[in-house]
């Protein structure tokens, strides 16, 4: 997820004809570069830069599905991460919106790839500029480690708002990761970022002993397919 991943692009629309009726669907692609790939406050490339991109499909019904890829190197011989996800999202009323789905994190070329892959079920509720989310471990490809459904839980709260009238946005984030699956019983991550015209400058940190504050810069763009 800098987690540009796991966010389904909502811009750049393509009209598709589905079955015998006419309904609207969106097919978009996204590409990004970041100086440091962070996921829940933790480095996924050892502090090195990452190139990322994905393709998303979203229908008028609220269903969406997509895939996303990035270089990653947190395990032996690992060179990349490939994510697959699907879910439903939409407006509840004029104030609230929701998003629920399933995501599979794959690391195909890791030396211990059978221990690396895992999946989560996630959901979030947004109210204006506030978003509150949760993700629970659904499965782990690790053999014999005793991990089961629900063995990790990630809770997050995010708030974003415009600064001035020039398209600049400030975002605040705090998250709490807990459970046996993550090794540490509890990890808190927090960050702040400023974004404009696809560029993001951010600062992120965790409460893990010995870690430093991470500063990153990123650029992301969406494409019509």
Foldseek 3Di string as FASTA:
>chain_A
DVPPDPDADPDFFDFDQDDPDGWGKGKKKKKKKKQFDADLQDTFAVRGIKIKMKIKMATPQFKIWIKMKMFGDPAAQFGMKIKTKIWGKDAPDPFKIKIWIKMKIFGPGGPPRLQPIWMWTKMWMGGVQKIKMKIWTDGGSDPPPPDHTRQKMKIKMKGKDADPDQAKMKMWMKMWMAGVSVVDGIKIKIKIWIDHPQKIWMWMHIPPPPDDIDIMIMGMDMDHD
